[in-house]
PDB file of N, CA and C in Angstrom:
ATOM      1  N   UNK A   1     -89.953  -9.710 -44.919  1.00  0.00           N
ATOM      2  CA  UNK A   1     -89.298 -10.723 -43.710  1.00  0.00           C
ATOM      3  C   UNK A   1     -87.882 -10.586 -43.886  1.00  0.00           C
ATOM      4  N   UNK A   2     -87.412 -10.674 -42.854  1.00  0.00           N
ATOM      5  CA  UNK A   2     -85.768 -10.721 -43.098  1.00  0.00           C
ATOM      6  C   UNK A   2     -85.564 -12.517 -42.564  1.00  0.00           C
ATOM      7  N   UNK A   3     -84.462 -13.046 -42.542  1.00  0.00           N
ATOM      8  CA  UNK A   3     -84.299 -14.590 -42.171  1.00  0.00           C
ATOM      9  C   UNK A   3     -82.725 -14.901 -42.201  1.00  0.00           C
ATOM     10  N   UNK A   4     -82.472 -15.545 -41.701  1.00  0.00           N
ATOM     11  CA  UNK A   4     -81.141 -16.322 -41.917  1.00  0.00           C
ATOM     12  C   UNK A   4     -81.532 -17.616 -42.611  1.00  0.00           C
ATOM     13  N   UNK A   5     -81.003 -17.964 -43.709  1.00  0.00           N
ATOM     14  CA  UNK A   5     -82.114 -19.375 -44.009  1.00  0.00           C
ATOM     15  C   UNK A   5     -80.950 -20.372 -44.534  1.00  0.00           C
ATOM     16  N   UNK A   6     -81.111 -21.383 -43.881  1.00  0.00           N
ATOM     17  CA  UNK A   6     -80.280 -22.560 -44.447  1.00  0.00           C
ATOM     18  C   UNK A   6     -80.719 -23.182 -46.039  1.00  0.00           C
ATOM     19  N   UNK A   7     -79.782 -23.232 -46.808  1.00  0.00           N
ATOM     20  CA  UNK A   7     -80.552 -24.132 -48.137  1.00  0.00           C
ATOM     21  C   UNK A   7     -79.775 -25.236 -48.120  1.00  0.00           C
ATOM     22  N   UNK A   8     -79.151 -26.167 -47.395  1.00  0.00           N
ATOM     23  CA  UNK A   8     -78.312 -27.340 -47.590  1.00  0.00           C
ATOM     24  C   UNK A   8     -77.948 -27.581 -46.168  1.00  0.00           C
ATOM     25  N   UNK A   9     -77.476 -28.853 -46.101  1.00  0.00           N
ATOM     26  CA  UNK A   9     -76.838 -29.488 -44.985  1.00  0.00           C
ATOM     27  C   UNK A   9     -75.170 -28.954 -45.214  1.00  0.00           C
ATOM     28  N   UNK A  10     -74.347 -28.710 -43.556  1.00  0.00           N
ATOM     29  CA  UNK A  10     -73.160 -28.394 -43.932  1.00  0.00           C
ATOM     30  C   UNK A  10     -72.836 -27.329 -42.505  1.00  0.00           C
ATOM     31  N   UNK A  11     -71.511 -26.969 -42.898  1.00  0.00           N
ATOM     32  CA  UNK A  11     -71.000 -25.512 -41.865  1.00  0.00           C
ATOM     33  C   UNK A  11     -71.904 -24.450 -42.250  1.00  0.00           C
ATOM     34  N   UNK A  12     -71.457 -23.453 -41.389  1.00  0.00           N
ATOM     35  CA  UNK A  12     -72.240 -22.091 -41.328  1.00  0.00           C
ATOM     36  C   UNK A  12     -71.856 -21.600 -42.807  1.00  0.00           C
ATOM     37  N   UNK A  13     -71.368 -21.802 -43.754  1.00  0.00           N
ATOM     38  CA  UNK A  13     -71.530 -21.649 -45.119  1.00  0.00           C
ATOM     39  C   UNK A  13     -72.670 -21.291 -45.806  1.00  0.00           C
ATOM     40  N   UNK A  14     -73.078 -22.392 -45.274  1.00  0.00           N
ATOM     41  CA  UNK A  14     -74.979 -22.883 -46.444  1.00  0.00           C
ATOM     42  C   UNK A  14     -75.600 -21.707 -45.662  1.00  0.00           C
ATOM     43  N   UNK A  15     -75.421 -21.142 -44.803  1.00  0.00           N
ATOM     44  CA  UNK A  15     -76.295 -19.899 -44.153  1.00  0.00           C
ATOM     45  C   UNK A  15     -76.050 -18.516 -45.334  1.00  0.00           C
ATOM     46  N   UNK A  16     -77.303 -18.007 -45.448  1.00  0.00           N
ATOM     47  CA  UNK A  16     -77.509 -16.722 -45.889  1.00  0.00           C
ATOM     48  C   UNK A  16     -78.576 -15.770 -45.250  1.00  0.00           C
ATOM     49  N   UNK A  17     -78.112 -14.500 -45.421  1.00  0.00           N
ATOM     50  CA  UNK A  17     -79.332 -13.454 -44.997  1.00  0.00           C
ATOM     51  C   UNK A  17     -80.220 -13.154 -46.214  1.00  0.00           C
ATOM     52  N   UNK A  18     -81.102 -13.177 -45.745  1.00  0.00           N
ATOM     53  CA  UNK A  18     -82.133 -12.662 -47.350  1.00  0.00           C
ATOM     54  C   UNK A  18     -83.152 -11.712 -46.416  1.00  0.00           C
ATOM     55  N   UNK A  19     -83.413 -10.477 -46.968  1.00  0.00           N
ATOM     56  CA  UNK A  19     -84.382  -9.798 -47.053  1.00  0.00           C
ATOM     57  C   UNK A  19     -85.842 -10.134 -47.966  1.00  0.00           C
ATOM     58  N   UNK A  20     -86.723  -9.217 -47.513  1.00  0.00           N
ATOM     59  CA  UNK A  20     -87.800  -9.766 -48.293  1.00  0.00           C
ATOM     60  C   UNK A  20     -88.671 -10.875 -48.547  1.00  0.00           C
ATOM     61  N   UNK A  21     -88.349 -11.638 -48.277  1.00  0.00           N
ATOM     62  CA  UNK A  21     -88.999 -13.296 -48.200  1.00  0.00           C
ATOM     63  C   UNK A  21     -90.187 -13.218 -48.028  1.00  0.00           C
ATOM     64  N   UNK A  22     -91.068 -13.955 -48.845  1.00  0.00           N
ATOM     65  CA  UNK A  22     -92.470 -14.029 -48.489  1.00  0.00           C
ATOM     66  C   UNK A  22     -92.776 -14.590 -47.026  1.00  0.00           C
ATOM     67  N   UNK A  23     -93.529 -13.986 -46.382  1.00  0.00           N
ATOM     68  CA  UNK A  23     -94.157 -14.444 -45.113  1.00  0.00           C
ATOM     69  C   UNK A  23     -94.711 -15.818 -45.042  1.00  0.00           C
ATOM     70  N   UNK A  24     -94.393 -16.596 -44.181  1.00  0.00           N
ATOM     71  CA  UNK A  24     -94.817 -18.104 -44.057  1.00  0.00           C
ATOM     72  C   UNK A  24     -96.566 -17.641 -44.222  1.00  0.00           C
ATOM     73  N   UNK A  25     -96.816 -18.816 -44.813  1.00  0.00           N
ATOM     74  CA  UNK A  25     -98.772 -18.729 -45.011  1.00  0.00           C
ATOM     75  C   UNK A  25     -98.982 -19.617 -43.658  1.00  0.00           C
ATOM     76  N   UNK A  26     -99.569 -19.376 -42.920  1.00  0.00           N
ATOM     77  CA  UNK A  26    -100.201 -19.860 -41.561  1.00  0.00           C
ATOM     78  C   UNK A  26    -101.665 -19.443 -41.334  1.00  0.00           C
ATOM     79  N   UNK A  27    -102.149 -20.293 -40.948  1.00  0.00           N
ATOM     80  CA  UNK A  27    -103.811 -19.848 -40.479  1.00  0.00           C
ATOM     81  C   UNK A  27    -104.003 -19.379 -39.353  1.00  0.00           C
ATOM     82  N   UNK A  28    -104.468 -18.638 -38.574  1.00  0.00           N
ATOM     83  CA  UNK A  28    -104.941 -18.098 -37.178  1.00  0.00           C
ATOM     84  C   UNK A  28    -103.893 -17.220 -37.015  1.00  0.00           C
ATOM     85  N   UNK A  29    -102.844 -17.180 -36.056  1.00  0.00           N
ATOM     86  CA  UNK A  29    -101.968 -16.199 -35.396  1.00  0.00           C
ATOM     87  C   UNK A  29    -100.823 -15.476 -36.657  1.00  0.00           C
ATOM     88  N   UNK A  30    -100.781 -14.290 -36.183  1.00  0.00           N
ATOM     89  CA  UNK A  30     -99.741 -13.321 -37.034  1.00  0.00           C
ATOM     90  C   UNK A  30     -98.785 -12.763 -35.759  1.00  0.00           C
ATOM     91  N   UNK A  31     -97.202 -13.135 -36.147  1.00  0.00           N
ATOM     92  CA  UNK A  31     -96.348 -12.405 -35.067  1.00  0.00           C
ATOM     93  C   UNK A  31     -95.319 -11.569 -35.380  1.00  0.00           C
ATOM     94  N   UNK A  32     -95.043 -10.697 -34.614  1.00  0.00           N
ATOM     95  CA  UNK A  32     -94.179 -10.042 -35.203  1.00  0.00           C
ATOM     96  C   UNK A  32     -92.797 -10.043 -34.220  1.00  0.00           C
ATOM     97  N   UNK A  33     -91.785 -10.992 -34.767  1.00  0.00           N
ATOM     98  CA  UNK A  33     -90.824 -11.356 -34.363  1.00  0.00           C
ATOM     99  C   UNK A  33     -89.733 -10.411 -33.605  1.00  0.00           C
ATOM    100  N   UNK A  34     -89.647 -10.210 -32.455  1.00  0.00           N
ATOM    101  CA  UNK A  34     -88.103  -8.989 -32.480  1.00  0.00           C
ATOM    102  C   UNK A  34     -86.488  -9.773 -31.918  1.00  0.00           C
ATOM    103  N   UNK A  35     -86.625 -10.793 -31.466  1.00  0.00           N
ATOM    104  CA  UNK A  35     -85.617 -11.972 -31.073  1.00  0.00           C
ATOM    105  C   UNK A  35     -86.042 -12.970 -31.095  1.00  0.00           C
ATOM    106  N   UNK A  36     -84.834 -13.730 -31.810  1.00  0.00           N
ATOM    107  CA  UNK A  36     -85.020 -15.238 -32.225  1.00  0.00           C
ATOM    108  C   UNK A  36     -83.640 -16.035 -31.382  1.00  0.00           C
ATOM    109  N   UNK A  37     -83.849 -17.253 -30.794  1.00  0.00           N
ATOM    110  CA  UNK A  37     -82.594 -17.683 -30.129  1.00  0.00           C
ATOM    111  C   UNK A  37     -82.488 -18.909 -31.226  1.00  0.00           C
ATOM    112  N   UNK A  38     -81.172 -19.461 -31.294  1.00  0.00           N
ATOM    113  CA  UNK A  38     -80.151 -20.880 -32.059  1.00  0.00           C
ATOM    114  C   UNK A  38     -79.796 -21.535 -30.883  1.00  0.00           C
ATOM    115  N   UNK A  39     -80.254 -22.754 -30.805  1.00  0.00           N
ATOM    116  CA  UNK A  39     -80.334 -23.525 -29.721  1.00  0.00           C
ATOM    117  C   UNK A  39     -79.314 -24.641 -30.646  1.00  0.00           C
ATOM    118  N   UNK A  40     -78.392 -25.617 -29.713  1.00  0.00           N
ATOM    119  CA  UNK A  40     -78.113 -26.971 -30.131  1.00  0.00           C
ATOM    120  C   UNK A  40     -78.442 -27.466 -31.095  1.00  0.00           C
ATOM    121  N   UNK A  41     -79.918 -27.911 -31.207  1.00  0.00           N
ATOM    122  CA  UNK A  41     -80.622 -28.818 -32.073  1.00  0.00           C
ATOM    123  C   UNK A  41     -80.524 -28.087 -33.470  1.00  0.00           C
ATOM    124  N   UNK A  42     -80.466 -26.430 -33.368  1.00  0.00           N
ATOM    125  CA  UNK A  42     -80.449 -26.141 -34.486  1.00  0.00           C
ATOM    126  C   UNK A  42     -78.842 -26.220 -35.625  1.00  0.00           C
ATOM    127  N   UNK A  43     -78.143 -26.546 -34.904  1.00  0.00           N
ATOM    128  CA  UNK A  43     -76.804 -26.680 -35.106  1.00  0.00           C
ATOM    129  C   UNK A  43     -76.476 -27.950 -35.628  1.00  0.00           C
ATOM    130  N   UNK A  44     -77.350 -29.357 -35.179  1.00  0.00           N
ATOM    131  CA  UNK A  44     -77.313 -30.397 -35.177  1.00  0.00           C
ATOM    132  C   UNK A  44     -78.175 -30.480 -36.562  1.00  0.00           C
ATOM    133  N   UNK A  45     -79.344 -29.821 -36.959  1.00  0.00           N
ATOM    134  CA  UNK A  45     -80.184 -29.948 -38.010  1.00  0.00           C
ATOM    135  C   UNK A  45     -79.304 -29.457 -39.092  1.00  0.00           C
ATOM    136  N   UNK A  46     -78.538 -28.301 -39.106  1.00  0.00           N
ATOM    137  CA  UNK A  46     -77.738 -27.846 -40.321  1.00  0.00           C
ATOM    138  C   UNK A  46     -76.681 -28.737 -40.459  1.00  0.00           C
ATOM    139  N   UNK A  47     -75.903 -29.128 -39.442  1.00  0.00           N
ATOM    140  CA  UNK A  47     -74.307 -30.160 -39.320  1.00  0.00           C
ATOM    141  C   UNK A  47     -74.698 -31.866 -39.957  1.00  0.00           C
ATOM    142  N   UNK A  48     -75.829 -32.082 -39.575  1.00  0.00           N
ATOM    143  CA  UNK A  48     -76.301 -33.741 -39.830  1.00  0.00           C
ATOM    144  C   UNK A  48     -77.354 -33.886 -40.948  1.00  0.00           C
ATOM    145  N   UNK A  49     -77.546 -32.858 -41.320  1.00  0.00           N
ATOM    146  CA  UNK A  49     -78.852 -33.160 -42.639  1.00  0.00           C
ATOM    147  C   UNK A  49     -79.892 -33.545 -42.261  1.00  0.00           C
ATOM    148  N   UNK A  50     -80.749 -33.092 -40.798  1.00  0.00           N
ATOM    149  CA  UNK A  50     -81.594 -33.583 -40.094  1.00  0.00           C
ATOM    150  C   UNK A  50     -82.495 -32.069 -41.063  1.00  0.00           C
ATOM    151  N   UNK A  51     -83.130 -32.361 -42.140  1.00  0.00           N
ATOM    152  CA  UNK A  51     -83.274 -30.983 -42.925  1.00  0.00           C
ATOM    153  C   UNK A  51     -84.672 -31.751 -43.636  1.00  0.00           C
ATOM    154  N   UNK A  52     -85.429 -30.930 -44.170  1.00  0.00           N
ATOM    155  CA  UNK A  52     -86.554 -31.123 -44.868  1.00  0.00           C
ATOM    156  C   UNK A  52     -86.481 -32.004 -46.270  1.00  0.00           C
ATOM    157  N   UNK A  53     -86.716 -33.181 -46.210  1.00  0.00           N
ATOM    158  CA  UNK A  53     -86.548 -34.172 -47.484  1.00  0.00           C
ATOM    159  C   UNK A  53     -86.668 -33.461 -48.658  1.00  0.00           C
ATOM    160  N   UNK A  54     -87.680 -32.473 -49.281  1.00  0.00           N
ATOM    161  CA  UNK A  54     -87.845 -31.974 -50.301  1.00  0.00           C
ATOM    162  C   UNK A  54     -86.954 -30.659 -50.694  1.00  0.00           C
ATOM    163  N   UNK A  55     -85.475 -30.920 -49.521  1.00  0.00           N
ATOM    164  CA  UNK A  55     -84.744 -29.667 -50.028  1.00  0.00           C
ATOM    165  C   UNK A  55     -85.073 -27.774 -50.150  1.00  0.00           C
ATOM    166  N   UNK A  56     -86.203 -27.935 -49.242  1.00  0.00           N
ATOM    167  CA  UNK A  56     -86.753 -26.791 -49.261  1.00  0.00           C
ATOM    168  C   UNK A  56     -85.788 -25.909 -48.455  1.00  0.00           C
ATOM    169  N   UNK A  57     -85.518 -24.659 -48.552  1.00  0.00           N
ATOM    170  CA  UNK A  57     -85.097 -23.671 -47.762  1.00  0.00           C
ATOM    171  C   UNK A  57     -85.524 -23.974 -46.261  1.00  0.00           C
ATOM    172  N   UNK A  58     -84.825 -23.853 -45.440  1.00  0.00           N
ATOM    173  CA  UNK A  58     -85.044 -23.862 -43.647  1.00  0.00           C
ATOM    174  C   UNK A  58     -84.624 -22.589 -43.066  1.00  0.00           C
ATOM    175  N   UNK A  59     -85.819 -22.106 -42.118  1.00  0.00           N
ATOM    176  CA  UNK A  59     -85.225 -21.231 -41.202  1.00  0.00           C
ATOM    177  C   UNK A  59     -84.923 -21.512 -39.980  1.00  0.00           C
ATOM    178  N   UNK A  60     -83.815 -21.570 -39.300  1.00  0.00           N
ATOM    179  CA  UNK A  60     -83.357 -22.500 -38.096  1.00  0.00           C
ATOM    180  C   UNK A  60     -83.832 -21.344 -36.842  1.00  0.00           C
ATOM    181  N   UNK A  61     -84.345 -22.279 -35.643  1.00  0.00           N
ATOM    182  CA  UNK A  61     -84.702 -21.360 -34.737  1.00  0.00           C
ATOM    183  C   UNK A  61     -85.957 -21.327 -34.226  1.00  0.00           C
ATOM    184  N   UNK A  62     -86.387 -21.696 -32.923  1.00  0.00           N
ATOM    185  CA  UNK A  62     -87.795 -22.074 -32.701  1.00  0.00           C
ATOM    186  C   UNK A  62     -87.960 -21.384 -31.142  1.00  0.00           C
ATOM    187  N   UNK A  63     -87.046 -20.777 -31.073  1.00  0.00           N
ATOM    188  CA  UNK A  63     -87.338 -19.592 -29.470  1.00  0.00           C
ATOM    189  C   UNK A  63     -87.405 -18.662 -30.239  1.00  0.00           C
ATOM    190  N   UNK A  64     -88.326 -17.421 -29.451  1.00  0.00           N
ATOM    191  CA  UNK A  64     -88.669 -16.178 -29.882  1.00  0.00           C
ATOM    192  C   UNK A  64     -89.333 -15.367 -28.889  1.00  0.00           C
ATOM    193  N   UNK A  65     -88.823 -14.151 -28.959  1.00  0.00           N
ATOM    194  CA  UNK A  65     -89.709 -13.246 -28.327  1.00  0.00           C
ATOM    195  C   UNK A  65     -90.679 -11.846 -29.229  1.00  0.00           C
ATOM    196  N   UNK A  66     -91.765 -11.806 -29.007  1.00  0.00           N
ATOM    197  CA  UNK A  66     -92.382 -10.696 -29.820  1.00  0.00           C
ATOM    198  C   UNK A  66     -93.638 -10.147 -29.526  1.00  0.00           C
ATOM    199  N   UNK A  67     -94.258 -10.075 -30.543  1.00  0.00           N
ATOM    200  CA  UNK A  67     -95.748  -9.719 -30.150  1.00  0.00           C
ATOM    201  C   UNK A  67     -96.521 -10.336 -31.216  1.00  0.00           C
ATOM    202  N   UNK A  68     -97.855 -10.243 -30.494  1.00  0.00           N
ATOM    203  CA  UNK A  68     -98.744 -11.238 -31.328  1.00  0.00           C
ATOM    204  C   UNK A  68     -99.872 -10.458 -32.341  1.00  0.00           C
ATOM    205  N   UNK A  69     -99.879 -10.376 -33.580  1.00  0.00           N
ATOM    206  CA  UNK A  69    -100.763  -9.349 -34.377  1.00  0.00           C
ATOM    207  C   UNK A  69    -102.328  -9.266 -34.220  1.00  0.00           C
ATOM    208  N   UNK A  70    -102.410 -10.789 -34.270  1.00  0.00           N
ATOM    209  CA  UNK A  70    -103.863 -11.532 -34.872  1.00  0.00           C
ATOM    210  C   UNK A  70    -104.503 -10.987 -36.110  1.00  0.00           C
TER     211      UNK A  70
END
Protein backbone atom coordinates (compact mmCIF):
# COMPACT_ATOMS: atom_id res chain seq x y z
CA UNK A 1 0.00 0.00 0.00
CA UNK A 2 1.22 3.52 -0.79
CA UNK A 3 0.23 6.45 1.41
CA UNK A 4 1.02 9.98 2.52
CA UNK A 5 1.39 9.58 6.27
CA UNK A 6 1.20 12.16 9.07
CA UNK A 7 3.42 11.25 12.01
CA UNK A 8 2.93 14.37 14.17
CA UNK A 9 1.02 17.63 14.23
CA UNK A 10 2.44 20.57 12.29
CA UNK A 11 3.02 21.98 8.82
CA UNK A 12 3.23 19.92 5.65
CA UNK A 13 6.76 18.86 6.61
CA UNK A 14 5.26 16.26 8.99
CA UNK A 15 3.88 14.38 5.98
CA UNK A 16 5.90 11.63 4.33
CA UNK A 17 5.32 9.38 1.33
CA UNK A 18 5.59 5.73 2.28
CA UNK A 19 5.43 2.65 0.08
CA UNK A 20 4.79 -0.94 1.10
CA UNK A 21 2.89 -0.09 4.26
CA UNK A 22 0.86 -2.90 5.77
CA UNK A 23 -2.70 -2.95 4.56
CA UNK A 24 -5.18 -1.82 7.21
CA UNK A 25 -6.89 -4.73 8.90
CA UNK A 26 -10.63 -4.45 8.44
CA UNK A 27 -13.31 -7.02 8.65
CA UNK A 28 -15.67 -7.02 5.72
CA UNK A 29 -14.91 -5.18 2.52
CA UNK A 30 -11.59 -4.61 0.73
CA UNK A 31 -11.21 -1.56 -1.51
CA UNK A 32 -8.79 -0.61 -4.26
CA UNK A 33 -8.60 3.18 -4.01
CA UNK A 34 -7.76 4.91 -7.28
CA UNK A 35 -8.11 8.55 -6.18
CA UNK A 36 -8.36 10.28 -2.80
CA UNK A 37 -9.21 13.82 -1.82
CA UNK A 38 -7.92 15.92 1.05
CA UNK A 39 -10.39 18.40 2.53
CA UNK A 40 -10.16 21.34 4.95
CA UNK A 41 -10.80 19.03 7.92
CA UNK A 42 -7.62 17.11 7.02
CA UNK A 43 -5.52 20.28 7.23
CA UNK A 44 -7.12 21.11 10.60
CA UNK A 45 -6.36 17.62 11.91
CA UNK A 46 -2.73 18.07 10.86
CA UNK A 47 -2.28 21.67 12.05
CA UNK A 48 -4.18 21.64 15.34
CA UNK A 49 -3.14 18.27 16.74
CA UNK A 50 -6.59 16.74 16.32
CA UNK A 51 -4.66 13.50 16.13
CA UNK A 52 -4.77 10.01 17.54
CA UNK A 53 -3.96 10.23 21.25
CA UNK A 54 -1.57 7.28 21.16
CA UNK A 55 0.62 9.00 18.51
CA UNK A 56 0.16 6.37 15.83
CA UNK A 57 0.76 7.47 12.27
CA UNK A 58 -2.31 8.77 10.47
CA UNK A 59 -3.34 8.66 6.82
CA UNK A 60 -5.41 11.75 6.02
CA UNK A 61 -8.29 11.81 3.57
CA UNK A 62 -11.79 10.41 3.85
CA UNK A 63 -13.15 10.93 0.34
CA UNK A 64 -12.07 8.44 -2.28
CA UNK A 65 -13.04 6.68 -5.49
CA UNK A 66 -12.19 3.15 -6.49
CA UNK A 67 -13.56 -0.35 -6.66
CA UNK A 68 -14.82 -2.90 -4.17
CA UNK A 69 -12.73 -6.11 -4.17
CA UNK A 70 -14.69 -8.13 -1.54
